[in-house]
C-alpha atoms as a PDB file:
ATOM      1  CA  MET A   1     110.511 128.162  88.352  1.00  0.00           C
ATOM      2  CA  GLY A   2     106.874 129.012  87.372  1.00  0.00           C
ATOM      3  CA  SER A   3     103.862 126.717  88.090  1.00  0.00           C
ATOM      4  CA  PRO A   4     104.409 123.102  86.961  1.00  0.00           C
ATOM      5  CA  PRO A   5     102.317 121.998  83.843  1.00  0.00           C
ATOM      6  CA  GLU A   6      98.853 120.902  84.700  1.00  0.00           C
ATOM      7  CA  HIS A   7      96.558 118.371  83.038  1.00  0.00           C
ATOM      8  CA  THR A   8      93.268 116.699  83.517  1.00  0.00           C
ATOM      9  CA  LEU A   9      93.659 112.954  84.295  1.00  0.00           C
ATOM     10  CA  GLY A  10      91.036 111.466  81.910  1.00  0.00           C
ATOM     11  CA  LEU A  11      91.114 108.205  83.854  1.00  0.00           C
ATOM     12  CA  PRO A  12      91.027 107.830  87.688  1.00  0.00           C
ATOM     13  CA  LEU A  13      94.584 107.667  89.311  1.00  0.00           C
ATOM     14  CA  ARG A  14      95.156 105.241  92.050  1.00  0.00           C
ATOM     15  CA  VAL A  15      98.092 106.151  94.295  1.00  0.00           C
ATOM     16  CA  ILE A  16      99.500 104.332  97.360  1.00  0.00           C
ATOM     17  CA  ARG A  17     100.067 105.624 100.679  1.00  0.00           C
ATOM     18  CA  LEU A  18     101.632 103.700 103.565  1.00  0.00           C
ATOM     19  CA  HIS A  19     100.612 105.370 106.823  1.00  0.00           C
ATOM     20  CA  ASP A  20     101.084 104.972 110.427  1.00  0.00           C
ATOM     21  CA  PRO A  21      98.030 103.042 111.825  1.00  0.00           C
ATOM     22  CA  ARG A  22      97.693 105.506 114.660  1.00  0.00           C
ATOM     23  CA  PHE A  23      96.445 108.067 112.141  1.00  0.00           C
ATOM     24  CA  THR A  24      93.922 108.120 109.302  1.00  0.00           C
ATOM     25  CA  PRO A  25      95.213 107.602 105.819  1.00  0.00           C
ATOM     26  CA  LEU A  26      94.890 111.252 104.951  1.00  0.00           C
ATOM     27  CA  ASP A  27      96.157 112.634 108.198  1.00  0.00           C
ATOM     28  CA  SER A  28      98.692 115.411 107.389  1.00  0.00           C
ATOM     29  CA  THR A  29     100.290 115.754 110.891  1.00  0.00           C
ATOM     30  CA  GLY A  30     103.767 114.618 109.776  1.00  0.00           C
ATOM     31  CA  ALA A  31     104.172 116.786 106.711  1.00  0.00           C
ATOM     32  CA  ARG A  32     102.370 119.729 108.560  1.00  0.00           C
ATOM     33  CA  THR A  33     104.702 119.484 111.599  1.00  0.00           C
ATOM     34  CA  TYR A  34     108.047 118.559 110.012  1.00  0.00           C
ATOM     35  CA  GLY A  35     107.669 119.534 106.330  1.00  0.00           C
ATOM     36  CA  GLY A  36     108.838 117.088 103.669  1.00  0.00           C
ATOM     37  CA  ARG A  37     110.826 117.263 100.456  1.00  0.00           C
ATOM     38  CA  TRP A  38     108.020 119.168  98.709  1.00  0.00           C
ATOM     39  CA  ASN A  39     106.626 121.308 101.496  1.00  0.00           C
ATOM     40  CA  SER A  40     107.636 123.467 104.475  1.00  0.00           C
ATOM     41  CA  PRO A  41     106.105 122.871 107.742  1.00  0.00           C
ATOM     42  CA  GLY A  42     102.538 124.036 108.161  1.00  0.00           C
ATOM     43  CA  ALA A  43     101.178 122.732 104.780  1.00  0.00           C
ATOM     44  CA  GLU A  44      98.122 120.331 104.779  1.00  0.00           C
ATOM     45  CA  VAL A  45      99.670 117.761 102.469  1.00  0.00           C
ATOM     46  CA  VAL A  46     100.315 113.986 102.498  1.00  0.00           C
ATOM     47  CA  TYR A  47     102.674 111.902 100.330  1.00  0.00           C
ATOM     48  CA  ALA A  48     101.775 108.880  98.159  1.00  0.00           C
ATOM     49  CA  ALA A  49     103.549 107.000  95.395  1.00  0.00           C
ATOM     50  CA  LEU A  50     102.304 105.863  91.927  1.00  0.00           C
ATOM     51  CA  SER A  51     103.255 102.307  92.811  1.00  0.00           C
ATOM     52  CA  TYR A  52     103.282 100.016  95.832  1.00  0.00           C
ATOM     53  CA  GLY A  53     107.034  99.371  95.304  1.00  0.00           C
ATOM     54  CA  GLY A  54     107.726 103.179  95.251  1.00  0.00           C
ATOM     55  CA  ALA A  55     105.692 103.600  98.485  1.00  0.00           C
ATOM     56  CA  VAL A  56     107.684 100.720 100.175  1.00  0.00           C
ATOM     57  CA  LEU A  57     111.093 102.302  99.021  1.00  0.00           C
ATOM     58  CA  GLU A  58     110.094 105.720 100.407  1.00  0.00           C
ATOM     59  CA  THR A  59     108.895 104.182 103.619  1.00  0.00           C
ATOM     60  CA  ARG A  60     112.138 102.247 103.984  1.00  0.00           C
ATOM     61  CA  ALA A  61     114.294 105.333 103.052  1.00  0.00           C
ATOM     62  CA  HIS A  62     112.572 107.180 105.879  1.00  0.00           C
ATOM     63  CA  ALA A  63     112.495 104.524 108.396  1.00  0.00           C
ATOM     64  CA  ASN A  64     116.024 104.492 109.856  1.00  0.00           C
ATOM     65  CA  VAL A  65     115.408 101.359 111.782  1.00  0.00           C
ATOM     66  CA  ARG A  66     116.153  97.651 111.701  1.00  0.00           C
ATOM     67  CA  THR A  67     112.657  96.704 112.449  1.00  0.00           C
ATOM     68  CA  PRO A  68     109.780  97.555 109.977  1.00  0.00           C
ATOM     69  CA  PRO A  69     107.489 100.300 111.265  1.00  0.00           C
ATOM     70  CA  PRO A  70     103.790  99.386 111.519  1.00  0.00           C
ATOM     71  CA  ARG A  71     102.197 100.739 108.355  1.00  0.00           C
ATOM     72  CA  GLU A  72      98.695 100.407 106.725  1.00  0.00           C
ATOM     73  CA  ILE A  73      98.226 100.345 103.047  1.00  0.00           C
ATOM     74  CA  ALA A  74      95.707 102.875 101.618  1.00  0.00           C
ATOM     75  CA  VAL A  75      94.785 103.296  97.900  1.00  0.00           C
ATOM     76  CA  VAL A  76      93.813 106.868  97.315  1.00  0.00           C
ATOM     77  CA  THR A  77      91.853 107.350  94.039  1.00  0.00           C
ATOM     78  CA  ILE A  78      91.947 110.809  92.378  1.00  0.00           C
ATOM     79  CA  PRO A  79      88.913 111.069  90.133  1.00  0.00           C
ATOM     80  CA  ALA A  80      89.243 111.336  86.286  1.00  0.00           C
ATOM     81  CA  ASP A  81      87.917 114.912  86.041  1.00  0.00           C
ATOM     82  CA  VAL A  82      90.475 116.417  88.451  1.00  0.00           C
ATOM     83  CA  ARG A  83      93.462 118.500  87.325  1.00  0.00           C
ATOM     84  CA  VAL A  84      97.030 117.613  88.588  1.00  0.00           C
ATOM     85  CA  ALA A  85     100.237 119.201  88.210  1.00  0.00           C
ATOM     86  CA  GLU A  86     103.372 117.254  87.140  1.00  0.00           C
ATOM     87  CA  LEU A  87     106.987 118.216  87.843  1.00  0.00           C
ATOM     88  CA  ARG A  88     109.706 116.126  86.200  1.00  0.00           C
ATOM     89  CA  ALA A  89     113.257 115.941  87.514  1.00  0.00           C
ATOM     90  CA  GLU A  90     114.603 117.814  84.415  1.00  0.00           C
ATOM     91  CA  ASP A  91     112.155 120.673  85.172  1.00  0.00           C
ATOM     92  CA  LEU A  92     113.837 121.466  88.518  1.00  0.00           C
ATOM     93  CA  PRO A  93     117.604 121.447  88.854  1.00  0.00           C
ATOM     94  CA  GLY A  94     118.532 120.518  92.423  1.00  0.00           C
ATOM     95  CA  TRP A  95     115.194 118.996  93.357  1.00  0.00           C
ATOM     96  CA  ASP A  96     117.044 116.035  94.986  1.00  0.00           C
ATOM     97  CA  ASP A  97     119.635 118.111  96.924  1.00  0.00           C
ATOM     98  CA  VAL A  98     120.052 117.253 100.545  1.00  0.00           C
ATOM     99  CA  ASP A  99     118.997 120.705 101.871  1.00  0.00           C
ATOM    100  CA  GLN A 100     115.686 120.300  99.912  1.00  0.00           C
ATOM    101  CA  SER A 101     115.523 124.031  99.199  1.00  0.00           C
ATOM    102  CA  ALA A 102     114.770 123.885  95.414  1.00  0.00           C
ATOM    103  CA  SER A 103     111.982 121.159  95.957  1.00  0.00           C
ATOM    104  CA  ARG A 104     110.443 122.853  99.048  1.00  0.00           C
ATOM    105  CA  SER A 105     110.391 126.163  97.314  1.00  0.00           C
ATOM    106  CA  ALA A 106     108.661 124.614  94.182  1.00  0.00           C
ATOM    107  CA  GLY A 107     106.154 122.647  96.324  1.00  0.00           C
ATOM    108  CA  ASP A 108     105.312 125.657  98.561  1.00  0.00           C
ATOM    109  CA  ALA A 109     104.680 127.697  95.323  1.00  0.00           C
ATOM    110  CA  TRP A 110     102.413 124.958  94.048  1.00  0.00           C
ATOM    111  CA  ILE A 111     100.571 124.883  97.364  1.00  0.00           C
ATOM    112  CA  ALA A 112     100.160 128.590  97.462  1.00  0.00           C
ATOM    113  CA  ALA A 113      98.850 128.792  93.934  1.00  0.00           C
ATOM    114  CA  GLY A 114      96.212 126.339  94.848  1.00  0.00           C
ATOM    115  CA  HIS A 115      95.423 125.223  91.131  1.00  0.00           C
ATOM    116  CA  THR A 116      95.420 121.459  91.652  1.00  0.00           C
ATOM    117  CA  VAL A 117      94.832 118.931  94.394  1.00  0.00           C
ATOM    118  CA  ALA A 118      97.770 116.782  93.454  1.00  0.00           C
ATOM    119  CA  MET A 119     101.377 117.311  92.144  1.00  0.00           C
ATOM    120  CA  ILE A 120     103.216 114.328  90.595  1.00  0.00           C
ATOM    121  CA  VAL A 121     106.894 114.645  91.487  1.00  0.00           C
ATOM    122  CA  PRO A 122     110.200 112.631  91.148  1.00  0.00           C
ATOM    123  CA  SER A 123     110.981 110.226  93.995  1.00  0.00           C
ATOM    124  CA  ARG A 124     114.448 110.482  95.610  1.00  0.00           C
ATOM    125  CA  ALA A 125     114.288 106.956  96.967  1.00  0.00           C
ATOM    126  CA  GLY A 126     113.151 105.506  93.594  1.00  0.00           C
ATOM    127  CA  ALA A 127     115.066 107.689  91.222  1.00  0.00           C
ATOM    128  CA  PRO A 128     115.028 107.776  88.241  1.00  0.00           C
ATOM    129  CA  LEU A 129     111.846 105.751  87.676  1.00  0.00           C
ATOM    130  CA  GLU A 130     109.533 106.084  90.543  1.00  0.00           C
ATOM    131  CA  ARG A 131     107.184 109.106  91.077  1.00  0.00           C
ATOM    132  CA  ASN A 132     105.479 110.275  94.205  1.00  0.00           C
ATOM    133  CA  VAL A 133     102.300 112.274  94.470  1.00  0.00           C
ATOM    134  CA  VAL A 134     101.825 115.233  96.932  1.00  0.00           C
ATOM    135  CA  LEU A 135      98.103 115.626  97.892  1.00  0.00           C
ATOM    136  CA  ASN A 136      97.055 119.192  98.949  1.00  0.00           C
ATOM    137  CA  LEU A 137      94.276 118.407 101.502  1.00  0.00           C
ATOM    138  CA  ALA A 138      93.411 122.154 101.517  1.00  0.00           C
ATOM    139  CA  HIS A 139      92.343 122.258  97.953  1.00  0.00           C
ATOM    140  CA  PRO A 140      88.637 122.072  97.270  1.00  0.00           C
ATOM    141  CA  ASP A 141      89.021 118.834  95.216  1.00  0.00           C
ATOM    142  CA  ALA A 142      90.356 117.117  98.213  1.00  0.00           C
ATOM    143  CA  LYS A 143      86.912 116.116  99.113  1.00  0.00           C
ATOM    144  CA  LYS A 144      86.700 114.088  95.903  1.00  0.00           C
ATOM    145  CA  LEU A 145      89.637 111.846  96.864  1.00  0.00           C
ATOM    146  CA  ARG A 146      88.456 108.218  97.773  1.00  0.00           C
ATOM    147  CA  VAL A 147      90.444 106.056 100.117  1.00  0.00           C
ATOM    148  CA  GLU A 148      90.425 102.320 100.363  1.00  0.00           C
ATOM    149  CA  SER A 149      92.220 100.628 103.157  1.00  0.00           C
ATOM    150  CA  LEU A 150      93.947  97.375 102.382  1.00  0.00           C
ATOM    151  CA  GLY A 151      95.252  96.348 105.836  1.00  0.00           C
ATOM    152  CA  PRO A 152      98.844  96.184 107.208  1.00  0.00           C
ATOM    153  CA  VAL A 153     101.926  96.091 105.119  1.00  0.00           C
ATOM    154  CA  PRO A 154     103.300  92.607 104.861  1.00  0.00           C
ATOM    155  CA  TRP A 155     106.858  93.549 105.115  1.00  0.00           C
ATOM    156  CA  ASP A 156     109.675  91.522 103.661  1.00  0.00           C
ATOM    157  CA  LEU A 157     112.153  91.538 106.563  1.00  0.00           C
ATOM    158  CA  ARG A 158     115.172  91.427 104.149  1.00  0.00           C
ATOM    159  CA  LEU A 159     114.480  95.138 103.540  1.00  0.00           C
ATOM    160  CA  PHE A 160     115.565  95.834 107.145  1.00  0.00           C
ATOM    161  CA  SER A 161     118.212  93.300 107.903  1.00  0.00           C
ATOM    162  CA  GLU A 162     121.819  93.492 107.073  1.00  0.00           C
ATOM    163  CA  SER A 163     122.796  90.145 108.625  1.00  0.00           C
ATOM    164  CA  GLU A 164     120.371  87.823 106.960  1.00  0.00           C
ATOM    165  CA  PRO A 165     122.232  85.260 104.838  1.00  0.00           C
ATOM    166  CA  ARG A 166     121.880  85.786 101.092  1.00  0.00           C
ATOM    167  CA  LEU A 167     121.913  82.972  98.588  1.00  0.00           C
ATOM    168  CA  THR A 168     124.838  83.407  96.055  1.00  0.00           C
ATOM    169  CA  HIS A 169     125.761  81.680  92.904  1.00  0.00           C
ATOM    170  CA  ARG A 170     129.594  81.905  93.224  1.00  0.00           C
ATOM    171  CA  ARG A 171     131.888  79.099  92.583  1.00  0.00           C
ATOM    172  CA  THR A 172     134.124  78.378  95.510  1.00  0.00           C
ATOM    173  CA  SER A 173     137.052  76.785  93.517  1.00  0.00           C
ATOM    174  CA  GLY A 174     137.515  79.554  91.145  1.00  0.00           C
ATOM    175  CA  LYS A 175     137.516  77.127  88.202  1.00  0.00           C
ATOM    176  CA  PRO A 176     134.885  77.214  85.551  1.00  0.00           C
ATOM    177  CA  ALA A 177     132.243  74.614  85.738  1.00  0.00           C
ATOM    178  CA  ALA A 178     132.708  71.475  83.539  1.00  0.00           C
ATOM    179  CA  PRO A 179     130.002  71.366  80.803  1.00  0.00           C
ATOM    180  CA  ARG A 180     127.155  68.999  81.668  1.00  0.00           C
ATOM    181  CA  LYS A 181     126.662  65.955  79.528  1.00  0.00           C
ATOM    182  CA  LYS A 182     123.410  65.493  77.759  1.00  0.00           C
ATOM    183  CA  LYS A 183     121.610  62.264  78.760  1.00  0.00           C
END
């Protein structure tokens, strides 16, 4: 696969990052140490989502716990004049494979090329609709990123509990309900 298509935004792009409050919003320790779907260890990148819901889904998918992890909400604004790369799911067969070899290879090539500060990519947790954004903090345009902190994530505990009772709308008798009479 060659470099993903690039374009200038034209309008600022606000992306959402949910980060561990022990670190700054643009701290790349996790991706640099362990790698991610779109990078091998060693890269100065962080992951964000195009929507708050997408960020919540990604965080939940990576938090293999029953208690929500402490997370802070950060809105990262990519300025309108910045070029970004965009990779669609159909551009890269195998991007969502468990071994992550196709996605890591594509991401590592994008990082090495150094053309853009951001690459918009498919979200595994939110497929097929959600998109993530990989931010290359080693790129010169990274200094143009603006971060606004919005405080702690107000987790909905139902995302982490399997035992909480759910409301259902099932009939217990198995018979259809009689029509209601108009008054």
